[in-house]
Amino acid sequence: MKNCPKCKSEVDDHFELCWNCNYSFFDKRVLELHELTKVETEKEIDCLRCKIPMKYSGEFKFHEGSRAGIFGSVFEIFQNRESFDLYHCPKCRKVEFFIP
């Protein structure tokens, strides 16, 4: 256990953030709410053809195969599922997938 330098609360050694006051042991300061909810999935990626920034379209989940009638949801248990971050170029409309 370690003690938070800000509020003196006890925090487990493997935690990087104080549960009581949001003190970050890594950054050595109290984090604001907007910093805690910041999404890290969007990256700045340039199009290989146009050299302009690509737009983040979100995370998409795909699966192999198709539904098999009434038992489609039961048989999907055995299908391979993957999720990817999708980016598109607004100029040439190229699409790229990245593993999240």
PDB file of N, CA and C in Angstrom:
ATOM      1  N   MET A   1       0.850  -1.192   0.000  1.00  0.00           N
ATOM      2  CA  MET A   1       0.000   0.000   0.000  1.00  0.00           C
ATOM      3  C   MET A   1       0.889   1.248   0.000  1.00  0.00           C
ATOM      4  N   LYS A   2       0.359   2.274  -0.679  1.00  0.00           N
ATOM      5  CA  LYS A   2       1.049   3.566  -0.674  1.00  0.00           C
ATOM      6  C   LYS A   2       0.046   4.629  -0.294  1.00  0.00           C
ATOM      7  N   ASN A   3       0.534   5.767   0.156  1.00  0.00           N
ATOM      8  CA  ASN A   3      -0.322   6.878   0.583  1.00  0.00           C
ATOM      9  C   ASN A   3      -0.313   7.978  -0.466  1.00  0.00           C
ATOM     10  N   CYS A   4      -1.491   8.524  -0.721  1.00  0.00           N
ATOM     11  CA  CYS A   4      -1.629   9.626  -1.660  1.00  0.00           C
ATOM     12  C   CYS A   4      -1.024  10.886  -1.040  1.00  0.00           C
ATOM     13  N   PRO A   5      -0.126  11.593  -1.740  1.00  0.00           N
ATOM     14  CA  PRO A   5       0.457  12.815  -1.190  1.00  0.00           C
ATOM     15  C   PRO A   5      -0.543  13.970  -1.076  1.00  0.00           C
ATOM     16  N   LYS A   6      -1.644  13.899  -1.821  1.00  0.00           N
ATOM     17  CA  LYS A   6      -2.642  14.972  -1.804  1.00  0.00           C
ATOM     18  C   LYS A   6      -3.623  14.824  -0.651  1.00  0.00           C
ATOM     19  N   CYS A   7      -4.265  13.632  -0.525  1.00  0.00           N
ATOM     20  CA  CYS A   7      -5.323  13.466   0.479  1.00  0.00           C
ATOM     21  C   CYS A   7      -4.963  12.466   1.573  1.00  0.00           C
ATOM     22  N   LYS A   8      -3.781  11.858   1.482  1.00  0.00           N
ATOM     23  CA  LYS A   8      -3.272  10.910   2.494  1.00  0.00           C
ATOM     24  C   LYS A   8      -4.068   9.602   2.551  1.00  0.00           C
ATOM     25  N   SER A   9      -4.861   9.275   1.543  1.00  0.00           N
ATOM     26  CA  SER A   9      -5.607   8.013   1.505  1.00  0.00           C
ATOM     27  C   SER A   9      -4.662   6.870   1.138  1.00  0.00           C
ATOM     28  N   GLU A  10      -4.985   5.668   1.608  1.00  0.00           N
ATOM     29  CA  GLU A  10      -4.205   4.496   1.240  1.00  0.00           C
ATOM     30  C   GLU A  10      -4.675   3.971  -0.111  1.00  0.00           C
ATOM     31  N   VAL A  11      -3.694   3.680  -0.980  1.00  0.00           N
ATOM     32  CA  VAL A  11      -3.976   3.208  -2.332  1.00  0.00           C
ATOM     33  C   VAL A  11      -3.131   1.959  -2.577  1.00  0.00           C
ATOM     34  N   ASP A  12      -3.718   0.947  -3.234  1.00  0.00           N
ATOM     35  CA  ASP A  12      -2.959  -0.255  -3.584  1.00  0.00           C
ATOM     36  C   ASP A  12      -1.777   0.108  -4.462  1.00  0.00           C
ATOM     37  N   ASP A  13      -0.703  -0.655  -4.337  1.00  0.00           N
ATOM     38  CA  ASP A  13       0.526  -0.369  -5.081  1.00  0.00           C
ATOM     39  C   ASP A  13       0.355  -0.429  -6.593  1.00  0.00           C
ATOM     40  N   HIS A  14      -0.536  -1.270  -7.092  1.00  0.00           N
ATOM     41  CA  HIS A  14      -0.668  -1.412  -8.547  1.00  0.00           C
ATOM     42  C   HIS A  14      -1.585  -0.366  -9.184  1.00  0.00           C
ATOM     43  N   PHE A  15      -2.208   0.516  -8.391  1.00  0.00           N
ATOM     44  CA  PHE A  15      -3.045   1.582  -8.951  1.00  0.00           C
ATOM     45  C   PHE A  15      -2.209   2.812  -9.255  1.00  0.00           C
ATOM     46  N   GLU A  16      -2.513   3.453 -10.376  1.00  0.00           N
ATOM     47  CA  GLU A  16      -1.817   4.676 -10.780  1.00  0.00           C
ATOM     48  C   GLU A  16      -2.597   5.932 -10.429  1.00  0.00           C
ATOM     49  N   LEU A  17      -3.816   5.765  -9.885  1.00  0.00           N
ATOM     50  CA  LEU A  17      -4.706   6.887  -9.607  1.00  0.00           C
ATOM     51  C   LEU A  17      -5.313   6.712  -8.222  1.00  0.00           C
ATOM     52  N   CYS A  18      -5.365   7.782  -7.442  1.00  0.00           N
ATOM     53  CA  CYS A  18      -5.980   7.741  -6.114  1.00  0.00           C
ATOM     54  C   CYS A  18      -7.498   7.654  -6.271  1.00  0.00           C
ATOM     55  N   TRP A  19      -8.101   6.747  -5.543  1.00  0.00           N
ATOM     56  CA  TRP A  19      -9.549   6.535  -5.624  1.00  0.00           C
ATOM     57  C   TRP A  19     -10.322   7.698  -5.006  1.00  0.00           C
ATOM     58  N   ASN A  20      -9.709   8.473  -4.129  1.00  0.00           N
ATOM     59  CA  ASN A  20     -10.407   9.521  -3.389  1.00  0.00           C
ATOM     60  C   ASN A  20     -10.340  10.893  -4.069  1.00  0.00           C
ATOM     61  N   CYS A  21      -9.171  11.254  -4.571  1.00  0.00           N
ATOM     62  CA  CYS A  21      -9.012  12.624  -5.085  1.00  0.00           C
ATOM     63  C   CYS A  21      -8.540  12.691  -6.538  1.00  0.00           C
ATOM     64  N   ASN A  22      -8.387  11.542  -7.220  1.00  0.00           N
ATOM     65  CA  ASN A  22      -7.932  11.466  -8.614  1.00  0.00           C
ATOM     66  C   ASN A  22      -6.495  11.946  -8.809  1.00  0.00           C
ATOM     67  N   TYR A  23      -5.674  11.802  -7.768  1.00  0.00           N
ATOM     68  CA  TYR A  23      -4.250  12.140  -7.897  1.00  0.00           C
ATOM     69  C   TYR A  23      -3.571  11.069  -8.734  1.00  0.00           C
ATOM     70  N   SER A  24      -2.840  11.487  -9.766  1.00  0.00           N
ATOM     71  CA  SER A  24      -2.122  10.561 -10.633  1.00  0.00           C
ATOM     72  C   SER A  24      -0.693  10.419 -10.116  1.00  0.00           C
ATOM     73  N   PHE A  25      -0.315   9.203  -9.742  1.00  0.00           N
ATOM     74  CA  PHE A  25       1.045   8.953  -9.275  1.00  0.00           C
ATOM     75  C   PHE A  25       2.031   9.038 -10.433  1.00  0.00           C
ATOM     76  N   PHE A  26       1.578   8.796 -11.635  1.00  0.00           N
ATOM     77  CA  PHE A  26       2.435   8.883 -12.818  1.00  0.00           C
ATOM     78  C   PHE A  26       2.712  10.341 -13.188  1.00  0.00           C
ATOM     79  N   ASP A  27       1.649  11.182 -13.228  1.00  0.00           N
ATOM     80  CA  ASP A  27       1.789  12.594 -13.616  1.00  0.00           C
ATOM     81  C   ASP A  27       2.140  13.504 -12.448  1.00  0.00           C
ATOM     82  N   LYS A  28       2.018  12.989 -11.226  1.00  0.00           N
ATOM     83  CA  LYS A  28       2.317  13.757 -10.000  1.00  0.00           C
ATOM     84  C   LYS A  28       1.431  14.991  -9.847  1.00  0.00           C
ATOM     85  N   ARG A  29       0.124  14.814 -10.177  1.00  0.00           N
ATOM     86  CA  ARG A  29      -0.842  15.904 -10.024  1.00  0.00           C
ATOM     87  C   ARG A  29      -2.253  15.327 -10.010  1.00  0.00           C
ATOM     88  N   VAL A  30      -3.228  16.147  -9.594  1.00  0.00           N
ATOM     89  CA  VAL A  30      -4.630  15.742  -9.592  1.00  0.00           C
ATOM     90  C   VAL A  30      -5.184  15.928 -10.999  1.00  0.00           C
ATOM     91  N   LEU A  31      -5.826  14.892 -11.523  1.00  0.00           N
ATOM     92  CA  LEU A  31      -6.391  14.951 -12.869  1.00  0.00           C
ATOM     93  C   LEU A  31      -7.820  15.474 -12.831  1.00  0.00           C
ATOM     94  N   GLU A  32      -8.161  16.295 -13.805  1.00  0.00           N
ATOM     95  CA  GLU A  32      -9.517  16.816 -13.937  1.00  0.00           C
ATOM     96  C   GLU A  32     -10.414  15.755 -14.576  1.00  0.00           C
ATOM     97  N   LEU A  33     -11.729  15.940 -14.460  1.00  0.00           N
ATOM     98  CA  LEU A  33     -12.683  14.968 -14.971  1.00  0.00           C
ATOM     99  C   LEU A  33     -12.549  14.768 -16.474  1.00  0.00           C
ATOM    100  N   HIS A  34     -12.362  15.832 -17.240  1.00  0.00           N
ATOM    101  CA  HIS A  34     -12.243  15.711 -18.695  1.00  0.00           C
ATOM    102  C   HIS A  34     -10.986  14.944 -19.090  1.00  0.00           C
ATOM    103  N   GLU A  35      -9.953  14.961 -18.265  1.00  0.00           N
ATOM    104  CA  GLU A  35      -8.745  14.195 -18.550  1.00  0.00           C
ATOM    105  C   GLU A  35      -8.955  12.702 -18.285  1.00  0.00           C
ATOM    106  N   LEU A  36      -9.831  12.374 -17.331  1.00  0.00           N
ATOM    107  CA  LEU A  36     -10.097  10.982 -16.991  1.00  0.00           C
ATOM    108  C   LEU A  36     -10.944  10.298 -18.049  1.00  0.00           C
ATOM    109  N   THR A  37     -11.806  11.047 -18.741  1.00  0.00           N
ATOM    110  CA  THR A  37     -12.706  10.460 -19.732  1.00  0.00           C
ATOM    111  C   THR A  37     -12.190  10.626 -21.151  1.00  0.00           C
ATOM    112  N   LYS A  38     -10.965  11.072 -21.324  1.00  0.00           N
ATOM    113  CA  LYS A  38     -10.396  11.294 -22.645  1.00  0.00           C
ATOM    114  C   LYS A  38     -10.270   9.969 -23.393  1.00  0.00           C
ATOM    115  N   VAL A  39     -10.729   9.949 -24.637  1.00  0.00           N
ATOM    116  CA  VAL A  39     -10.658   8.749 -25.457  1.00  0.00           C
ATOM    117  C   VAL A  39      -9.314   8.733 -26.175  1.00  0.00           C
ATOM    118  N   GLU A  40      -8.604   7.624 -26.029  1.00  0.00           N
ATOM    119  CA  GLU A  40      -7.281   7.503 -26.624  1.00  0.00           C
ATOM    120  C   GLU A  40      -7.290   6.753 -27.949  1.00  0.00           C
ATOM    121  N   THR A  41      -8.457   6.404 -28.471  1.00  0.00           N
ATOM    122  CA  THR A  41      -8.499   5.576 -29.667  1.00  0.00           C
ATOM    123  C   THR A  41      -8.154   6.342 -30.931  1.00  0.00           C
ATOM    124  N   GLU A  42      -8.469   7.617 -30.997  1.00  0.00           N
ATOM    125  CA  GLU A  42      -8.221   8.375 -32.216  1.00  0.00           C
ATOM    126  C   GLU A  42      -6.742   8.718 -32.337  1.00  0.00           C
ATOM    127  N   LYS A  43      -6.162   8.391 -33.495  1.00  0.00           N
ATOM    128  CA  LYS A  43      -4.762   8.685 -33.764  1.00  0.00           C
ATOM    129  C   LYS A  43      -4.695   9.588 -34.982  1.00  0.00           C
ATOM    130  N   GLU A  44      -3.622  10.325 -35.116  1.00  0.00           N
ATOM    131  CA  GLU A  44      -3.436  11.149 -36.300  1.00  0.00           C
ATOM    132  C   GLU A  44      -2.719  10.316 -37.347  1.00  0.00           C
ATOM    133  N   ILE A  45      -3.451   9.933 -38.390  1.00  0.00           N
ATOM    134  CA  ILE A  45      -2.910   9.089 -39.452  1.00  0.00           C
ATOM    135  C   ILE A  45      -3.111   9.803 -40.778  1.00  0.00           C
ATOM    136  N   ASP A  46      -2.041   9.914 -41.562  1.00  0.00           N
ATOM    137  CA  ASP A  46      -2.131  10.539 -42.886  1.00  0.00           C
ATOM    138  C   ASP A  46      -2.395   9.480 -43.951  1.00  0.00           C
ATOM    139  N   CYS A  47      -3.163   9.867 -44.958  1.00  0.00           N
ATOM    140  CA  CYS A  47      -3.454   8.984 -46.083  1.00  0.00           C
ATOM    141  C   CYS A  47      -2.159   8.723 -46.854  1.00  0.00           C
ATOM    142  N   LEU A  48      -1.935   7.467 -47.228  1.00  0.00           N
ATOM    143  CA  LEU A  48      -0.716   7.116 -47.961  1.00  0.00           C
ATOM    144  C   LEU A  48      -0.714   7.679 -49.377  1.00  0.00           C
ATOM    145  N   ARG A  49      -1.885   7.918 -49.955  1.00  0.00           N
ATOM    146  CA  ARG A  49      -1.987   8.440 -51.325  1.00  0.00           C
ATOM    147  C   ARG A  49      -1.981   9.966 -51.347  1.00  0.00           C
ATOM    148  N   CYS A  50      -2.849  10.581 -50.530  1.00  0.00           N
ATOM    149  CA  CYS A  50      -3.067  12.031 -50.587  1.00  0.00           C
ATOM    150  C   CYS A  50      -2.209  12.827 -49.606  1.00  0.00           C
ATOM    151  N   LYS A  51      -1.671  12.163 -48.619  1.00  0.00           N
ATOM    152  CA  LYS A  51      -0.851  12.810 -47.582  1.00  0.00           C
ATOM    153  C   LYS A  51      -1.641  13.824 -46.749  1.00  0.00           C
ATOM    154  N   ILE A  52      -2.968  13.629 -46.615  1.00  0.00           N
ATOM    155  CA  ILE A  52      -3.775  14.489 -45.755  1.00  0.00           C
ATOM    156  C   ILE A  52      -4.285  13.642 -44.583  1.00  0.00           C
ATOM    157  N   PRO A  53      -4.665  14.267 -43.467  1.00  0.00           N
ATOM    158  CA  PRO A  53      -5.125  13.497 -42.307  1.00  0.00           C
ATOM    159  C   PRO A  53      -6.398  12.710 -42.605  1.00  0.00           C
ATOM    160  N   MET A  54      -6.405  11.453 -42.162  1.00  0.00           N
ATOM    161  CA  MET A  54      -7.576  10.599 -42.323  1.00  0.00           C
ATOM    162  C   MET A  54      -8.541  10.854 -41.173  1.00  0.00           C
ATOM    163  N   LYS A  55      -9.819  10.615 -41.404  1.00  0.00           N
ATOM    164  CA  LYS A  55     -10.870  10.814 -40.402  1.00  0.00           C
ATOM    165  C   LYS A  55     -11.164   9.493 -39.695  1.00  0.00           C
ATOM    166  N   TYR A  56     -11.305   9.550 -38.375  1.00  0.00           N
ATOM    167  CA  TYR A  56     -11.641   8.374 -37.579  1.00  0.00           C
ATOM    168  C   TYR A  56     -13.144   8.114 -37.691  1.00  0.00           C
ATOM    169  N   SER A  57     -13.523   6.899 -38.079  1.00  0.00           N
ATOM    170  CA  SER A  57     -14.932   6.561 -38.249  1.00  0.00           C
ATOM    171  C   SER A  57     -15.493   5.730 -37.111  1.00  0.00           C
ATOM    172  N   GLY A  58     -14.644   5.241 -36.232  1.00  0.00           N
ATOM    173  CA  GLY A  58     -15.103   4.465 -35.089  1.00  0.00           C
ATOM    174  C   GLY A  58     -14.555   3.052 -35.089  1.00  0.00           C
ATOM    175  N   GLU A  59     -14.952   2.302 -34.065  1.00  0.00           N
ATOM    176  CA  GLU A  59     -14.541   0.908 -33.951  1.00  0.00           C
ATOM    177  C   GLU A  59     -15.659   0.025 -34.482  1.00  0.00           C
ATOM    178  N   PHE A  60     -15.315  -0.856 -35.403  1.00  0.00           N
ATOM    179  CA  PHE A  60     -16.293  -1.738 -36.023  1.00  0.00           C
ATOM    180  C   PHE A  60     -15.952  -3.182 -35.698  1.00  0.00           C
ATOM    181  N   LYS A  61     -16.995  -3.997 -35.458  1.00  0.00           N
ATOM    182  CA  LYS A  61     -16.810  -5.401 -35.130  1.00  0.00           C
ATOM    183  C   LYS A  61     -17.330  -6.247 -36.287  1.00  0.00           C
ATOM    184  N   PHE A  62     -16.519  -7.208 -36.702  1.00  0.00           N
ATOM    185  CA  PHE A  62     -16.848  -8.084 -37.809  1.00  0.00           C
ATOM    186  C   PHE A  62     -16.807  -9.536 -37.342  1.00  0.00           C
ATOM    187  N   HIS A  63     -17.555 -10.391 -38.022  1.00  0.00           N
ATOM    188  CA  HIS A  63     -17.482 -11.823 -37.740  1.00  0.00           C
ATOM    189  C   HIS A  63     -17.517 -12.598 -39.049  1.00  0.00           C
ATOM    190  N   GLU A  64     -16.934 -13.798 -39.018  1.00  0.00           N
ATOM    191  CA  GLU A  64     -16.903 -14.656 -40.196  1.00  0.00           C
ATOM    192  C   GLU A  64     -18.201 -15.433 -40.309  1.00  0.00           C
ATOM    193  N   GLY A  65     -18.575 -15.760 -41.539  1.00  0.00           N
ATOM    194  CA  GLY A  65     -19.748 -16.584 -41.752  1.00  0.00           C
ATOM    195  C   GLY A  65     -21.022 -15.767 -41.822  1.00  0.00           C
ATOM    196  N   SER A  66     -22.135 -16.496 -41.874  1.00  0.00           N
ATOM    197  CA  SER A  66     -23.438 -15.834 -41.915  1.00  0.00           C
ATOM    198  C   SER A  66     -24.371 -16.519 -40.940  1.00  0.00           C
ATOM    199  N   ARG A  67     -25.481 -15.889 -40.680  1.00  0.00           N
ATOM    200  CA  ARG A  67     -26.466 -16.475 -39.770  1.00  0.00           C
ATOM    201  C   ARG A  67     -27.102 -17.699 -40.419  1.00  0.00           C
ATOM    202  N   ALA A  68     -27.379 -18.695 -39.594  1.00  0.00           N
ATOM    203  CA  ALA A  68     -27.942 -19.943 -40.107  1.00  0.00           C
ATOM    204  C   ALA A  68     -29.391 -20.088 -39.652  1.00  0.00           C
ATOM    205  N   GLY A  69     -30.287 -19.318 -40.221  1.00  0.00           N
ATOM    206  CA  GLY A  69     -31.718 -19.450 -39.934  1.00  0.00           C
ATOM    207  C   GLY A  69     -32.090 -19.132 -38.502  1.00  0.00           C
ATOM    208  N   ILE A  70     -32.963 -19.939 -37.931  1.00  0.00           N
ATOM    209  CA  ILE A  70     -33.487 -19.716 -36.587  1.00  0.00           C
ATOM    210  C   ILE A  70     -32.386 -19.799 -35.539  1.00  0.00           C
ATOM    211  N   PHE A  71     -31.399 -20.672 -35.770  1.00  0.00           N
ATOM    212  CA  PHE A  71     -30.342 -20.891 -34.791  1.00  0.00           C
ATOM    213  C   PHE A  71     -29.124 -20.005 -35.042  1.00  0.00           C
ATOM    214  N   GLY A  72     -29.303 -18.901 -35.752  1.00  0.00           N
ATOM    215  CA  GLY A  72     -28.184 -18.030 -36.097  1.00  0.00           C
ATOM    216  C   GLY A  72     -27.407 -17.538 -34.900  1.00  0.00           C
ATOM    217  N   SER A  73     -28.071 -17.078 -33.870  1.00  0.00           N
ATOM    218  CA  SER A  73     -27.361 -16.546 -32.713  1.00  0.00           C
ATOM    219  C   SER A  73     -26.647 -17.639 -31.929  1.00  0.00           C
ATOM    220  N   VAL A  74     -27.176 -18.872 -31.960  1.00  0.00           N
ATOM    221  CA  VAL A  74     -26.525 -19.991 -31.270  1.00  0.00           C
ATOM    222  C   VAL A  74     -25.248 -20.387 -31.995  1.00  0.00           C
ATOM    223  N   PHE A  75     -25.274 -20.446 -33.322  1.00  0.00           N
ATOM    224  CA  PHE A  75     -24.106 -20.848 -34.088  1.00  0.00           C
ATOM    225  C   PHE A  75     -23.036 -19.761 -34.136  1.00  0.00           C
ATOM    226  N   GLU A  76     -23.374 -18.505 -33.850  1.00  0.00           N
ATOM    227  CA  GLU A  76     -22.375 -17.442 -33.861  1.00  0.00           C
ATOM    228  C   GLU A  76     -21.380 -17.568 -32.721  1.00  0.00           C
ATOM    229  N   ILE A  77     -21.671 -18.404 -31.748  1.00  0.00           N
ATOM    230  CA  ILE A  77     -20.730 -18.640 -30.647  1.00  0.00           C
ATOM    231  C   ILE A  77     -19.426 -19.203 -31.190  1.00  0.00           C
ATOM    232  N   PHE A  78     -19.500 -20.003 -32.258  1.00  0.00           N
ATOM    233  CA  PHE A  78     -18.340 -20.687 -32.808  1.00  0.00           C
ATOM    234  C   PHE A  78     -17.642 -19.896 -33.908  1.00  0.00           C
ATOM    235  N   GLN A  79     -18.101 -18.714 -34.212  1.00  0.00           N
ATOM    236  CA  GLN A  79     -17.506 -17.921 -35.277  1.00  0.00           C
ATOM    237  C   GLN A  79     -16.431 -17.003 -34.728  1.00  0.00           C
ATOM    238  N   ASN A  80     -15.447 -16.716 -35.564  1.00  0.00           N
ATOM    239  CA  ASN A  80     -14.352 -15.831 -35.188  1.00  0.00           C
ATOM    240  C   ASN A  80     -14.823 -14.378 -35.285  1.00  0.00           C
ATOM    241  N   ARG A  81     -14.586 -13.586 -34.244  1.00  0.00           N
ATOM    242  CA  ARG A  81     -14.966 -12.169 -34.245  1.00  0.00           C
ATOM    243  C   ARG A  81     -13.725 -11.308 -34.056  1.00  0.00           C
ATOM    244  N   GLU A  82     -13.662 -10.226 -34.796  1.00  0.00           N
ATOM    245  CA  GLU A  82     -12.553  -9.273 -34.715  1.00  0.00           C
ATOM    246  C   GLU A  82     -13.115  -7.860 -34.663  1.00  0.00           C
ATOM    247  N   SER A  83     -12.393  -6.963 -34.004  1.00  0.00           N
ATOM    248  CA  SER A  83     -12.789  -5.555 -34.013  1.00  0.00           C
ATOM    249  C   SER A  83     -11.611  -4.726 -34.530  1.00  0.00           C
ATOM    250  N   PHE A  84     -11.939  -3.679 -35.289  1.00  0.00           N
ATOM    251  CA  PHE A  84     -10.935  -2.821 -35.901  1.00  0.00           C
ATOM    252  C   PHE A  84     -11.343  -1.357 -35.765  1.00  0.00           C
ATOM    253  N   ASP A  85     -10.331  -0.476 -35.679  1.00  0.00           N
ATOM    254  CA  ASP A  85     -10.565   0.962 -35.797  1.00  0.00           C
ATOM    255  C   ASP A  85     -10.562   1.280 -37.286  1.00  0.00           C
ATOM    256  N   LEU A  86     -11.570   2.022 -37.750  1.00  0.00           N
ATOM    257  CA  LEU A  86     -11.708   2.328 -39.164  1.00  0.00           C
ATOM    258  C   LEU A  86     -11.402   3.802 -39.403  1.00  0.00           C
ATOM    259  N   TYR A  87     -10.532   4.085 -40.372  1.00  0.00           N
ATOM    260  CA  TYR A  87     -10.193   5.444 -40.791  1.00  0.00           C
ATOM    261  C   TYR A  87     -10.477   5.565 -42.279  1.00  0.00           C
ATOM    262  N   HIS A  88     -10.921   6.760 -42.704  1.00  0.00           N
ATOM    263  CA  HIS A  88     -11.165   6.981 -44.130  1.00  0.00           C
ATOM    264  C   HIS A  88     -10.573   8.318 -44.555  1.00  0.00           C
ATOM    265  N   CYS A  89     -10.176   8.386 -45.826  1.00  0.00           N
ATOM    266  CA  CYS A  89      -9.631   9.612 -46.398  1.00  0.00           C
ATOM    267  C   CYS A  89     -10.775  10.407 -47.012  1.00  0.00           C
ATOM    268  N   PRO A  90     -10.954  11.677 -46.620  1.00  0.00           N
ATOM    269  CA  PRO A  90     -12.048  12.461 -47.183  1.00  0.00           C
ATOM    270  C   PRO A  90     -11.840  12.839 -48.656  1.00  0.00           C
ATOM    271  N   LYS A  91     -10.598  12.739 -49.144  1.00  0.00           N
ATOM    272  CA  LYS A  91     -10.322  13.141 -50.521  1.00  0.00           C
ATOM    273  C   LYS A  91     -10.435  11.959 -51.495  1.00  0.00           C
ATOM    274  N   CYS A  92      -9.653  10.902 -51.274  1.00  0.00           N
ATOM    275  CA  CYS A  92      -9.654   9.778 -52.220  1.00  0.00           C
ATOM    276  C   CYS A  92     -10.559   8.634 -51.772  1.00  0.00           C
ATOM    277  N   ARG A  93     -11.145   8.737 -50.583  1.00  0.00           N
ATOM    278  CA  ARG A  93     -12.104   7.773 -50.041  1.00  0.00           C
ATOM    279  C   ARG A  93     -11.488   6.407 -49.734  1.00  0.00           C
ATOM    280  N   LYS A  94     -10.169   6.378 -49.545  1.00  0.00           N
ATOM    281  CA  LYS A  94      -9.497   5.141 -49.154  1.00  0.00           C
ATOM    282  C   LYS A  94      -9.860   4.818 -47.714  1.00  0.00           C
ATOM    283  N   VAL A  95     -10.006   3.535 -47.397  1.00  0.00           N
ATOM    284  CA  VAL A  95     -10.357   3.078 -46.061  1.00  0.00           C
ATOM    285  C   VAL A  95      -9.216   2.221 -45.524  1.00  0.00           C
ATOM    286  N   GLU A  96      -8.864   2.424 -44.245  1.00  0.00           N
ATOM    287  CA  GLU A  96      -7.830   1.606 -43.606  1.00  0.00           C
ATOM    288  C   GLU A  96      -8.357   1.097 -42.268  1.00  0.00           C
ATOM    289  N   PHE A  97      -7.978  -0.151 -41.951  1.00  0.00           N
ATOM    290  CA  PHE A  97      -8.337  -0.780 -40.696  1.00  0.00           C
ATOM    291  C   PHE A  97      -7.094  -0.910 -39.819  1.00  0.00           C
ATOM    292  N   PHE A  98      -7.263  -0.694 -38.526  1.00  0.00           N
ATOM    293  CA  PHE A  98      -6.179  -0.849 -37.574  1.00  0.00           C
ATOM    294  C   PHE A  98      -6.682  -1.637 -36.379  1.00  0.00           C
ATOM    295  N   ILE A  99      -5.821  -2.463 -35.813  1.00  0.00           N
ATOM    296  CA  ILE A  99      -6.186  -3.207 -34.608  1.00  0.00           C
ATOM    297  C   ILE A  99      -6.195  -2.231 -33.444  1.00  0.00           C
ATOM    298  N   PRO A 100      -7.298  -2.211 -32.655  1.00  0.00           N
ATOM    299  CA  PRO A 100      -7.357  -1.251 -31.544  1.00  0.00           C
ATOM    300  C   PRO A 100      -6.367  -1.575 -30.430  1.00  0.00           C
TER     301      PRO A 100
END
